[in-house]
Amino acid sequence: MLHTWGPSTIRFTLAEHSQIRGLGATAWFGWYDDDDTIEALTDQWLEAPAEAARGTIADTIHARAFDQVPSIARGLFHILTAYHANLTGVIEATGPYMWNINRA
């Protein structure tokens, strides 16, 4: 078991969702290996010519992920950040971005 967290942006698309990719030794340490099944499906999803085909492939990937159970999401949290009132240009995102900030 590996307890970790990451921003929701790394789970935004099937290609970016590292927790279901099944990359084995080329992924995080100790990560499961899916015998390239999900990787082949992910390639098909990326190359699919139409939205309907991508939807069908996505359903197949999700079914495989439910069969393999590569990860279990155990919760959701928000990291709150406070900024002084005299700052402008603060970028609200998944982490602190220290550019574009000016004093008002």
PDB file of N, CA and C in Angstrom:
ATOM      1  N   MET A   1       0.847  -1.172   0.000  1.00  0.00           N
ATOM      2  CA  MET A   1       0.000   0.000   0.000  1.00  0.00           C
ATOM      3  C   MET A   1       0.889   1.230   0.000  1.00  0.00           C
ATOM      4  N   LEU A   2       0.516   2.188  -0.825  1.00  0.00           N
ATOM      5  CA  LEU A   2       1.228   3.455  -0.909  1.00  0.00           C
ATOM      6  C   LEU A   2       0.222   4.566  -0.665  1.00  0.00           C
ATOM      7  N   HIS A   3       0.462   5.342   0.365  1.00  0.00           N
ATOM      8  CA  HIS A   3      -0.410   6.476   0.656  1.00  0.00           C
ATOM      9  C   HIS A   3       0.211   7.710   0.020  1.00  0.00           C
ATOM     10  N   THR A   4      -0.523   8.361  -0.853  1.00  0.00           N
ATOM     11  CA  THR A   4      -0.010   9.550  -1.522  1.00  0.00           C
ATOM     12  C   THR A   4      -1.179  10.449  -1.896  1.00  0.00           C
ATOM     13  N   TRP A   5      -0.868  11.552  -2.482  1.00  0.00           N
ATOM     14  CA  TRP A   5      -1.903  12.451  -2.974  1.00  0.00           C
ATOM     15  C   TRP A   5      -1.367  13.189  -4.183  1.00  0.00           C
ATOM     16  N   GLY A   6      -2.245  13.782  -4.916  1.00  0.00           N
ATOM     17  CA  GLY A   6      -1.851  14.571  -6.067  1.00  0.00           C
ATOM     18  C   GLY A   6      -2.997  15.456  -6.485  1.00  0.00           C
ATOM     19  N   PRO A   7      -2.704  16.464  -7.254  1.00  0.00           N
ATOM     20  CA  PRO A   7      -3.785  17.349  -7.707  1.00  0.00           C
ATOM     21  C   PRO A   7      -4.717  16.624  -8.672  1.00  0.00           C
ATOM     22  N   SER A   8      -5.953  17.051  -8.688  1.00  0.00           N
ATOM     23  CA  SER A   8      -6.939  16.415  -9.559  1.00  0.00           C
ATOM     24  C   SER A   8      -6.579  16.563 -11.034  1.00  0.00           C
ATOM     25  N   THR A   9      -5.718  17.506 -11.365  1.00  0.00           N
ATOM     26  CA  THR A   9      -5.348  17.712 -12.761  1.00  0.00           C
ATOM     27  C   THR A   9      -4.572  16.534 -13.341  1.00  0.00           C
ATOM     28  N   ILE A  10      -3.958  15.678 -12.504  1.00  0.00           N
ATOM     29  CA  ILE A  10      -3.247  14.524 -13.054  1.00  0.00           C
ATOM     30  C   ILE A  10      -4.190  13.369 -13.351  1.00  0.00           C
ATOM     31  N   ARG A  11      -5.445  13.552 -13.069  1.00  0.00           N
ATOM     32  CA  ARG A  11      -6.454  12.535 -13.364  1.00  0.00           C
ATOM     33  C   ARG A  11      -7.491  13.069 -14.346  1.00  0.00           C
ATOM     34  N   PHE A  12      -7.132  14.108 -15.062  1.00  0.00           N
ATOM     35  CA  PHE A  12      -8.079  14.810 -15.914  1.00  0.00           C
ATOM     36  C   PHE A  12      -8.457  14.000 -17.148  1.00  0.00           C
ATOM     37  N   THR A  13      -7.502  13.309 -17.765  1.00  0.00           N
ATOM     38  CA  THR A  13      -7.804  12.473 -18.923  1.00  0.00           C
ATOM     39  C   THR A  13      -7.244  11.076 -18.683  1.00  0.00           C
ATOM     40  N   LEU A  14      -7.670  10.136 -19.486  1.00  0.00           N
ATOM     41  CA  LEU A  14      -7.169   8.768 -19.351  1.00  0.00           C
ATOM     42  C   LEU A  14      -5.671   8.689 -19.594  1.00  0.00           C
ATOM     43  N   ALA A  15      -5.145   9.527 -20.473  1.00  0.00           N
ATOM     44  CA  ALA A  15      -3.707   9.505 -20.769  1.00  0.00           C
ATOM     45  C   ALA A  15      -2.887  10.031 -19.596  1.00  0.00           C
ATOM     46  N   GLU A  16      -3.450  10.938 -18.828  1.00  0.00           N
ATOM     47  CA  GLU A  16      -2.726  11.549 -17.709  1.00  0.00           C
ATOM     48  C   GLU A  16      -2.938  10.829 -16.382  1.00  0.00           C
ATOM     49  N   HIS A  17      -3.862   9.911 -16.320  1.00  0.00           N
ATOM     50  CA  HIS A  17      -4.248   9.276 -15.056  1.00  0.00           C
ATOM     51  C   HIS A  17      -3.236   8.197 -14.681  1.00  0.00           C
ATOM     52  N   SER A  18      -2.175   8.602 -14.020  1.00  0.00           N
ATOM     53  CA  SER A  18      -1.077   7.677 -13.703  1.00  0.00           C
ATOM     54  C   SER A  18      -1.495   6.550 -12.767  1.00  0.00           C
ATOM     55  N   GLN A  19      -2.560   6.724 -12.015  1.00  0.00           N
ATOM     56  CA  GLN A  19      -2.962   5.682 -11.069  1.00  0.00           C
ATOM     57  C   GLN A  19      -3.634   4.490 -11.726  1.00  0.00           C
ATOM     58  N   ILE A  20      -4.082   4.603 -12.972  1.00  0.00           N
ATOM     59  CA  ILE A  20      -4.699   3.433 -13.620  1.00  0.00           C
ATOM     60  C   ILE A  20      -3.900   2.933 -14.812  1.00  0.00           C
ATOM     61  N   ARG A  21      -2.775   3.544 -15.130  1.00  0.00           N
ATOM     62  CA  ARG A  21      -2.053   3.206 -16.360  1.00  0.00           C
ATOM     63  C   ARG A  21      -1.398   1.825 -16.325  1.00  0.00           C
ATOM     64  N   GLY A  22      -1.016   1.288 -15.180  1.00  0.00           N
ATOM     65  CA  GLY A  22      -0.445  -0.054 -15.115  1.00  0.00           C
ATOM     66  C   GLY A  22       0.922  -0.168 -15.754  1.00  0.00           C
ATOM     67  N   LEU A  23       1.778   0.815 -15.526  1.00  0.00           N
ATOM     68  CA  LEU A  23       3.082   0.877 -16.192  1.00  0.00           C
ATOM     69  C   LEU A  23       4.181   0.076 -15.504  1.00  0.00           C
ATOM     70  N   GLY A  24       3.882  -0.568 -14.406  1.00  0.00           N
ATOM     71  CA  GLY A  24       4.856  -1.435 -13.748  1.00  0.00           C
ATOM     72  C   GLY A  24       6.146  -0.728 -13.378  1.00  0.00           C
ATOM     73  N   ALA A  25       7.274  -1.309 -13.770  1.00  0.00           N
ATOM     74  CA  ALA A  25       8.593  -0.795 -13.377  1.00  0.00           C
ATOM     75  C   ALA A  25       8.895   0.584 -13.952  1.00  0.00           C
ATOM     76  N   THR A  26       8.221   0.996 -15.004  1.00  0.00           N
ATOM     77  CA  THR A  26       8.477   2.322 -15.579  1.00  0.00           C
ATOM     78  C   THR A  26       7.629   3.409 -14.923  1.00  0.00           C
ATOM     79  N   ALA A  27       6.782   3.044 -13.974  1.00  0.00           N
ATOM     80  CA  ALA A  27       5.939   4.009 -13.265  1.00  0.00           C
ATOM     81  C   ALA A  27       6.543   4.293 -11.895  1.00  0.00           C
ATOM     82  N   TRP A  28       5.689   4.643 -10.952  1.00  0.00           N
ATOM     83  CA  TRP A  28       6.150   4.841  -9.578  1.00  0.00           C
ATOM     84  C   TRP A  28       6.745   3.544  -9.064  1.00  0.00           C
ATOM     85  N   PHE A  29       7.592   3.667  -8.057  1.00  0.00           N
ATOM     86  CA  PHE A  29       8.178   2.488  -7.421  1.00  0.00           C
ATOM     87  C   PHE A  29       7.067   1.582  -6.891  1.00  0.00           C
ATOM     88  N   GLY A  30       7.200   0.283  -7.159  1.00  0.00           N
ATOM     89  CA  GLY A  30       6.232  -0.687  -6.665  1.00  0.00           C
ATOM     90  C   GLY A  30       4.883  -0.667  -7.352  1.00  0.00           C
ATOM     91  N   TRP A  31       4.753   0.056  -8.462  1.00  0.00           N
ATOM     92  CA  TRP A  31       3.455   0.171  -9.102  1.00  0.00           C
ATOM     93  C   TRP A  31       3.084  -1.112  -9.825  1.00  0.00           C
ATOM     94  N   TYR A  32       1.833  -1.369  -9.981  1.00  0.00           N
ATOM     95  CA  TYR A  32       1.368  -2.616 -10.588  1.00  0.00           C
ATOM     96  C   TYR A  32       1.628  -2.622 -12.099  1.00  0.00           C
ATOM     97  N   ASP A  33       1.682  -3.809 -12.662  1.00  0.00           N
ATOM     98  CA  ASP A  33       1.916  -3.989 -14.086  1.00  0.00           C
ATOM     99  C   ASP A  33       0.664  -4.632 -14.682  1.00  0.00           C
ATOM    100  N   ASP A  34       0.102  -3.999 -15.695  1.00  0.00           N
ATOM    101  CA  ASP A  34      -1.140  -4.476 -16.295  1.00  0.00           C
ATOM    102  C   ASP A  34      -0.905  -5.209 -17.612  1.00  0.00           C
ATOM    103  N   ASP A  35       0.282  -5.733 -17.842  1.00  0.00           N
ATOM    104  CA  ASP A  35       0.590  -6.461 -19.079  1.00  0.00           C
ATOM    105  C   ASP A  35       0.253  -5.646 -20.324  1.00  0.00           C
ATOM    106  N   ASP A  36       0.412  -4.344 -20.239  1.00  0.00           N
ATOM    107  CA  ASP A  36       0.213  -3.408 -21.355  1.00  0.00           C
ATOM    108  C   ASP A  36      -1.228  -3.320 -21.855  1.00  0.00           C
ATOM    109  N   THR A  37      -2.186  -3.920 -21.166  1.00  0.00           N
ATOM    110  CA  THR A  37      -3.573  -3.876 -21.620  1.00  0.00           C
ATOM    111  C   THR A  37      -4.108  -2.448 -21.621  1.00  0.00           C
ATOM    112  N   ILE A  38      -4.008  -1.766 -20.474  1.00  0.00           N
ATOM    113  CA  ILE A  38      -4.522  -0.398 -20.400  1.00  0.00           C
ATOM    114  C   ILE A  38      -3.682   0.533 -21.269  1.00  0.00           C
ATOM    115  N   GLU A  39      -2.388   0.274 -21.389  1.00  0.00           N
ATOM    116  CA  GLU A  39      -1.554   1.121 -22.259  1.00  0.00           C
ATOM    117  C   GLU A  39      -2.001   1.019 -23.715  1.00  0.00           C
ATOM    118  N   ALA A  40      -2.285  -0.190 -24.182  1.00  0.00           N
ATOM    119  CA  ALA A  40      -2.756  -0.367 -25.563  1.00  0.00           C
ATOM    120  C   ALA A  40      -4.102   0.327 -25.752  1.00  0.00           C
ATOM    121  N   LEU A  41      -4.980   0.200 -24.762  1.00  0.00           N
ATOM    122  CA  LEU A  41      -6.277   0.870 -24.842  1.00  0.00           C
ATOM    123  C   LEU A  41      -6.119   2.389 -24.803  1.00  0.00           C
ATOM    124  N   THR A  42      -5.178   2.877 -24.003  1.00  0.00           N
ATOM    125  CA  THR A  42      -4.931   4.318 -23.931  1.00  0.00           C
ATOM    126  C   THR A  42      -4.430   4.836 -25.275  1.00  0.00           C
ATOM    127  N   ASP A  43      -3.553   4.091 -25.927  1.00  0.00           N
ATOM    128  CA  ASP A  43      -3.098   4.474 -27.266  1.00  0.00           C
ATOM    129  C   ASP A  43      -4.275   4.535 -28.244  1.00  0.00           C
ATOM    130  N   GLN A  44      -5.158   3.534 -28.170  1.00  0.00           N
ATOM    131  CA  GLN A  44      -6.333   3.527 -29.039  1.00  0.00           C
ATOM    132  C   GLN A  44      -7.222   4.734 -28.752  1.00  0.00           C
ATOM    133  N   TRP A  45      -7.376   5.063 -27.456  1.00  0.00           N
ATOM    134  CA  TRP A  45      -8.195   6.199 -27.057  1.00  0.00           C
ATOM    135  C   TRP A  45      -7.623   7.502 -27.617  1.00  0.00           C
ATOM    136  N   LEU A  46      -6.294   7.646 -27.529  1.00  0.00           N
ATOM    137  CA  LEU A  46      -5.639   8.853 -28.035  1.00  0.00           C
ATOM    138  C   LEU A  46      -5.779   8.991 -29.550  1.00  0.00           C
ATOM    139  N   GLU A  47      -5.788   7.869 -30.247  1.00  0.00           N
ATOM    140  CA  GLU A  47      -5.821   7.885 -31.712  1.00  0.00           C
ATOM    141  C   GLU A  47      -7.223   7.734 -32.303  1.00  0.00           C
ATOM    142  N   ALA A  48      -8.218   7.586 -31.467  1.00  0.00           N
ATOM    143  CA  ALA A  48      -9.584   7.371 -31.960  1.00  0.00           C
ATOM    144  C   ALA A  48     -10.049   8.569 -32.782  1.00  0.00           C
ATOM    145  N   PRO A  49     -10.680   8.296 -33.929  1.00  0.00           N
ATOM    146  CA  PRO A  49     -11.067   9.378 -34.828  1.00  0.00           C
ATOM    147  C   PRO A  49     -12.336  10.124 -34.419  1.00  0.00           C
ATOM    148  N   ALA A  50     -13.134   9.544 -33.537  1.00  0.00           N
ATOM    149  CA  ALA A  50     -14.417  10.165 -33.201  1.00  0.00           C
ATOM    150  C   ALA A  50     -14.701  10.044 -31.711  1.00  0.00           C
ATOM    151  N   GLU A  51     -15.526  10.955 -31.220  1.00  0.00           N
ATOM    152  CA  GLU A  51     -15.887  10.982 -29.801  1.00  0.00           C
ATOM    153  C   GLU A  51     -16.573   9.686 -29.366  1.00  0.00           C
ATOM    154  N   ALA A  52     -17.419   9.128 -30.211  1.00  0.00           N
ATOM    155  CA  ALA A  52     -18.122   7.885 -29.862  1.00  0.00           C
ATOM    156  C   ALA A  52     -17.136   6.747 -29.638  1.00  0.00           C
ATOM    157  N   ALA A  53     -16.128   6.655 -30.481  1.00  0.00           N
ATOM    158  CA  ALA A  53     -15.107   5.607 -30.323  1.00  0.00           C
ATOM    159  C   ALA A  53     -14.318   5.828 -29.036  1.00  0.00           C
ATOM    160  N   ARG A  54     -13.983   7.089 -28.738  1.00  0.00           N
ATOM    161  CA  ARG A  54     -13.258   7.385 -27.484  1.00  0.00           C
ATOM    162  C   ARG A  54     -14.098   6.991 -26.278  1.00  0.00           C
ATOM    163  N   GLY A  55     -15.403   7.218 -26.346  1.00  0.00           N
ATOM    164  CA  GLY A  55     -16.278   6.844 -25.244  1.00  0.00           C
ATOM    165  C   GLY A  55     -16.317   5.347 -25.011  1.00  0.00           C
ATOM    166  N   THR A  56     -16.385   4.576 -26.088  1.00  0.00           N
ATOM    167  CA  THR A  56     -16.389   3.112 -25.984  1.00  0.00           C
ATOM    168  C   THR A  56     -15.082   2.605 -25.399  1.00  0.00           C
ATOM    169  N   ILE A  57     -13.964   3.155 -25.870  1.00  0.00           N
ATOM    170  CA  ILE A  57     -12.643   2.749 -25.360  1.00  0.00           C
ATOM    171  C   ILE A  57     -12.500   3.157 -23.897  1.00  0.00           C
ATOM    172  N   ALA A  58     -12.983   4.343 -23.547  1.00  0.00           N
ATOM    173  CA  ALA A  58     -12.921   4.799 -22.150  1.00  0.00           C
ATOM    174  C   ALA A  58     -13.697   3.850 -21.243  1.00  0.00           C
ATOM    175  N   ASP A  59     -14.852   3.405 -21.697  1.00  0.00           N
ATOM    176  CA  ASP A  59     -15.628   2.438 -20.904  1.00  0.00           C
ATOM    177  C   ASP A  59     -14.846   1.151 -20.692  1.00  0.00           C
ATOM    178  N   THR A  60     -14.126   0.698 -21.717  1.00  0.00           N
ATOM    179  CA  THR A  60     -13.322  -0.513 -21.610  1.00  0.00           C
ATOM    180  C   THR A  60     -12.166  -0.309 -20.629  1.00  0.00           C
ATOM    181  N   ILE A  61     -11.534   0.859 -20.692  1.00  0.00           N
ATOM    182  CA  ILE A  61     -10.440   1.173 -19.749  1.00  0.00           C
ATOM    183  C   ILE A  61     -10.970   1.195 -18.322  1.00  0.00           C
ATOM    184  N   HIS A  62     -12.107   1.837 -18.117  1.00  0.00           N
ATOM    185  CA  HIS A  62     -12.680   1.902 -16.773  1.00  0.00           C
ATOM    186  C   HIS A  62     -13.042   0.510 -16.257  1.00  0.00           C
ATOM    187  N   ALA A  63     -13.598  -0.325 -17.107  1.00  0.00           N
ATOM    188  CA  ALA A  63     -13.936  -1.693 -16.695  1.00  0.00           C
ATOM    189  C   ALA A  63     -12.679  -2.457 -16.305  1.00  0.00           C
ATOM    190  N   ARG A  64     -11.602  -2.290 -17.079  1.00  0.00           N
ATOM    191  CA  ARG A  64     -10.334  -2.957 -16.761  1.00  0.00           C
ATOM    192  C   ARG A  64      -9.780  -2.438 -15.434  1.00  0.00           C
ATOM    193  N   ALA A  65      -9.864  -1.122 -15.226  1.00  0.00           N
ATOM    194  CA  ALA A  65      -9.374  -0.546 -13.966  1.00  0.00           C
ATOM    195  C   ALA A  65     -10.180  -1.059 -12.771  1.00  0.00           C
ATOM    196  N   PHE A  66     -11.497  -1.199 -12.940  1.00  0.00           N
ATOM    197  CA  PHE A  66     -12.301  -1.752 -11.854  1.00  0.00           C
ATOM    198  C   PHE A  66     -11.965  -3.213 -11.605  1.00  0.00           C
ATOM    199  N   ASP A  67     -11.605  -3.939 -12.651  1.00  0.00           N
ATOM    200  CA  ASP A  67     -11.204  -5.333 -12.508  1.00  0.00           C
ATOM    201  C   ASP A  67      -9.852  -5.454 -11.790  1.00  0.00           C
ATOM    202  N   GLN A  68      -8.911  -4.599 -12.133  1.00  0.00           N
ATOM    203  CA  GLN A  68      -7.564  -4.656 -11.571  1.00  0.00           C
ATOM    204  C   GLN A  68      -7.439  -3.947 -10.216  1.00  0.00           C
ATOM    205  N   VAL A  69      -8.263  -2.967  -9.947  1.00  0.00           N
ATOM    206  CA  VAL A  69      -8.243  -2.127  -8.741  1.00  0.00           C
ATOM    207  C   VAL A  69      -6.821  -1.620  -8.449  1.00  0.00           C
ATOM    208  N   PRO A  70      -6.274  -0.820  -9.350  1.00  0.00           N
ATOM    209  CA  PRO A  70      -4.911  -0.323  -9.156  1.00  0.00           C
ATOM    210  C   PRO A  70      -4.783   0.716  -8.059  1.00  0.00           C
ATOM    211  N   SER A  71      -5.860   1.427  -7.770  1.00  0.00           N
ATOM    212  CA  SER A  71      -5.813   2.420  -6.693  1.00  0.00           C
ATOM    213  C   SER A  71      -7.218   2.635  -6.157  1.00  0.00           C
ATOM    214  N   ILE A  72      -7.258   3.129  -4.940  1.00  0.00           N
ATOM    215  CA  ILE A  72      -8.539   3.415  -4.305  1.00  0.00           C
ATOM    216  C   ILE A  72      -8.451   4.832  -3.746  1.00  0.00           C
ATOM    217  N   ALA A  73      -9.281   5.707  -4.256  1.00  0.00           N
ATOM    218  CA  ALA A  73      -9.322   7.071  -3.741  1.00  0.00           C
ATOM    219  C   ALA A  73      -9.977   7.052  -2.370  1.00  0.00           C
ATOM    220  N   ARG A  74      -9.304   7.630  -1.391  1.00  0.00           N
ATOM    221  CA  ARG A  74      -9.807   7.577  -0.021  1.00  0.00           C
ATOM    222  C   ARG A  74     -10.294   8.926   0.499  1.00  0.00           C
ATOM    223  N   GLY A  75     -10.310   9.917  -0.351  1.00  0.00           N
ATOM    224  CA  GLY A  75     -10.815  11.189   0.132  1.00  0.00           C
ATOM    225  C   GLY A  75     -10.461  12.336  -0.786  1.00  0.00           C
ATOM    226  N   LEU A  76     -10.879  13.501  -0.371  1.00  0.00           N
ATOM    227  CA  LEU A  76     -10.670  14.721  -1.120  1.00  0.00           C
ATOM    228  C   LEU A  76     -10.380  15.821  -0.120  1.00  0.00           C
ATOM    229  N   PHE A  77      -9.441  16.676  -0.429  1.00  0.00           N
ATOM    230  CA  PHE A  77      -9.177  17.809   0.450  1.00  0.00           C
ATOM    231  C   PHE A  77      -8.732  18.995  -0.393  1.00  0.00           C
ATOM    232  N   HIS A  78      -8.810  20.142   0.187  1.00  0.00           N
ATOM    233  CA  HIS A  78      -8.407  21.380  -0.473  1.00  0.00           C
ATOM    234  C   HIS A  78      -7.308  22.026   0.351  1.00  0.00           C
ATOM    235  N   ILE A  79      -6.269  22.479  -0.303  1.00  0.00           N
ATOM    236  CA  ILE A  79      -5.202  23.208   0.374  1.00  0.00           C
ATOM    237  C   ILE A  79      -5.553  24.690   0.281  1.00  0.00           C
ATOM    238  N   LEU A  80      -5.773  25.292   1.409  1.00  0.00           N
ATOM    239  CA  LEU A  80      -6.131  26.702   1.448  1.00  0.00           C
ATOM    240  C   LEU A  80      -4.863  27.545   1.516  1.00  0.00           C
ATOM    241  N   THR A  81      -4.846  28.627   0.781  1.00  0.00           N
ATOM    242  CA  THR A  81      -3.706  29.523   0.755  1.00  0.00           C
ATOM    243  C   THR A  81      -4.200  30.944   0.985  1.00  0.00           C
ATOM    244  N   ALA A  82      -3.520  31.673   1.846  1.00  0.00           N
ATOM    245  CA  ALA A  82      -3.892  33.061   2.126  1.00  0.00           C
ATOM    246  C   ALA A  82      -2.849  33.992   1.523  1.00  0.00           C
ATOM    247  N   TYR A  83      -3.318  35.104   0.991  1.00  0.00           N
ATOM    248  CA  TYR A  83      -2.444  36.122   0.415  1.00  0.00           C
ATOM    249  C   TYR A  83      -2.800  37.458   1.029  1.00  0.00           C
ATOM    250  N   HIS A  84      -1.817  38.318   1.169  1.00  0.00           N
ATOM    251  CA  HIS A  84      -2.061  39.657   1.691  1.00  0.00           C
ATOM    252  C   HIS A  84      -3.000  40.404   0.747  1.00  0.00           C
ATOM    253  N   ALA A  85      -3.843  41.247   1.291  1.00  0.00           N
ATOM    254  CA  ALA A  85      -4.862  41.953   0.512  1.00  0.00           C
ATOM    255  C   ALA A  85      -4.276  42.908  -0.523  1.00  0.00           C
ATOM    256  N   ASN A  86      -3.013  43.311  -0.358  1.00  0.00           N
ATOM    257  CA  ASN A  86      -2.451  44.273  -1.310  1.00  0.00           C
ATOM    258  C   ASN A  86      -1.766  43.603  -2.503  1.00  0.00           C
ATOM    259  N   LEU A  87      -1.983  42.316  -2.710  1.00  0.00           N
ATOM    260  CA  LEU A  87      -1.404  41.616  -3.853  1.00  0.00           C
ATOM    261  C   LEU A  87      -2.447  41.450  -4.954  1.00  0.00           C
ATOM    262  N   THR A  88      -2.037  41.662  -6.186  1.00  0.00           N
ATOM    263  CA  THR A  88      -2.908  41.434  -7.340  1.00  0.00           C
ATOM    264  C   THR A  88      -2.224  40.440  -8.274  1.00  0.00           C
ATOM    265  N   GLY A  89      -2.998  39.827  -9.146  1.00  0.00           N
ATOM    266  CA  GLY A  89      -2.443  38.906 -10.132  1.00  0.00           C
ATOM    267  C   GLY A  89      -2.157  37.512  -9.608  1.00  0.00           C
ATOM    268  N   VAL A  90      -2.652  37.191  -8.420  1.00  0.00           N
ATOM    269  CA  VAL A  90      -2.428  35.859  -7.845  1.00  0.00           C
ATOM    270  C   VAL A  90      -3.163  34.828  -8.699  1.00  0.00           C
ATOM    271  N   ILE A  91      -2.468  33.771  -9.089  1.00  0.00           N
ATOM    272  CA  ILE A  91      -3.047  32.721  -9.908  1.00  0.00           C
ATOM    273  C   ILE A  91      -3.595  31.633  -8.994  1.00  0.00           C
ATOM    274  N   GLU A  92      -4.900  31.407  -9.053  1.00  0.00           N
ATOM    275  CA  GLU A  92      -5.532  30.354  -8.249  1.00  0.00           C
ATOM    276  C   GLU A  92      -5.415  29.042  -9.017  1.00  0.00           C
ATOM    277  N   ALA A  93      -4.699  28.075  -8.459  1.00  0.00           N
ATOM    278  CA  ALA A  93      -4.492  26.800  -9.143  1.00  0.00           C
ATOM    279  C   ALA A  93      -4.205  25.718  -8.114  1.00  0.00           C
ATOM    280  N   THR A  94      -3.583  24.626  -8.556  1.00  0.00           N
ATOM    281  CA  THR A  94      -3.323  23.482  -7.681  1.00  0.00           C
ATOM    282  C   THR A  94      -2.071  23.645  -6.837  1.00  0.00           C
ATOM    283  N   GLY A  95      -1.416  24.744  -6.949  1.00  0.00           N
ATOM    284  CA  GLY A  95      -0.216  25.012  -6.163  1.00  0.00           C
ATOM    285  C   GLY A  95       0.102  26.491  -6.211  1.00  0.00           C
ATOM    286  N   PRO A  96       1.110  26.924  -5.462  1.00  0.00           N
ATOM    287  CA  PRO A  96       1.468  28.340  -5.482  1.00  0.00           C
ATOM    288  C   PRO A  96       2.281  28.696  -6.728  1.00  0.00           C
ATOM    289  N   TYR A  97       1.831  29.697  -7.437  1.00  0.00           N
ATOM    290  CA  TYR A  97       2.558  30.210  -8.600  1.00  0.00           C
ATOM    291  C   TYR A  97       2.987  31.632  -8.262  1.00  0.00           C
ATOM    292  N   MET A  98       4.273  31.840  -8.160  1.00  0.00           N
ATOM    293  CA  MET A  98       4.796  33.104  -7.655  1.00  0.00           C
ATOM    294  C   MET A  98       5.105  34.124  -8.738  1.00  0.00           C
ATOM    295  N   TRP A  99       4.621  33.907  -9.955  1.00  0.00           N
ATOM    296  CA  TRP A  99       4.785  34.917 -10.981  1.00  0.00           C
ATOM    297  C   TRP A  99       3.457  35.638 -11.179  1.00  0.00           C
ATOM    298  N   ASN A 100       3.514  36.767 -11.845  1.00  0.00           N
ATOM    299  CA  ASN A 100       2.335  37.573 -12.146  1.00  0.00           C
ATOM    300  C   ASN A 100       1.795  38.322 -10.935  1.00  0.00           C
ATOM    301  N   ILE A 101       2.524  38.309  -9.820  1.00  0.00           N
ATOM    302  CA  ILE A 101       2.046  38.950  -8.590  1.00  0.00           C
ATOM    303  C   ILE A 101       2.627  40.360  -8.488  1.00  0.00           C
ATOM    304  N   ASN A 102       1.759  41.295  -8.160  1.00  0.00           N
ATOM    305  CA  ASN A 102       2.164  42.696  -7.965  1.00  0.00           C
ATOM    306  C   ASN A 102       1.524  43.240  -6.707  1.00  0.00           C
ATOM    307  N   ARG A 103       2.157  44.246  -6.135  1.00  0.00           N
ATOM    308  CA  ARG A 103       1.536  44.959  -5.023  1.00  0.00           C
ATOM    309  C   ARG A 103       0.552  45.972  -5.586  1.00  0.00           C
ATOM    310  N   ALA A 104      -0.606  46.043  -4.982  1.00  0.00           N
ATOM    311  CA  ALA A 104      -1.655  46.968  -5.465  1.00  0.00           C
ATOM    312  C   ALA A 104      -1.287  48.401  -5.173  1.00  0.00           C
TER     313      ALA A 104
END
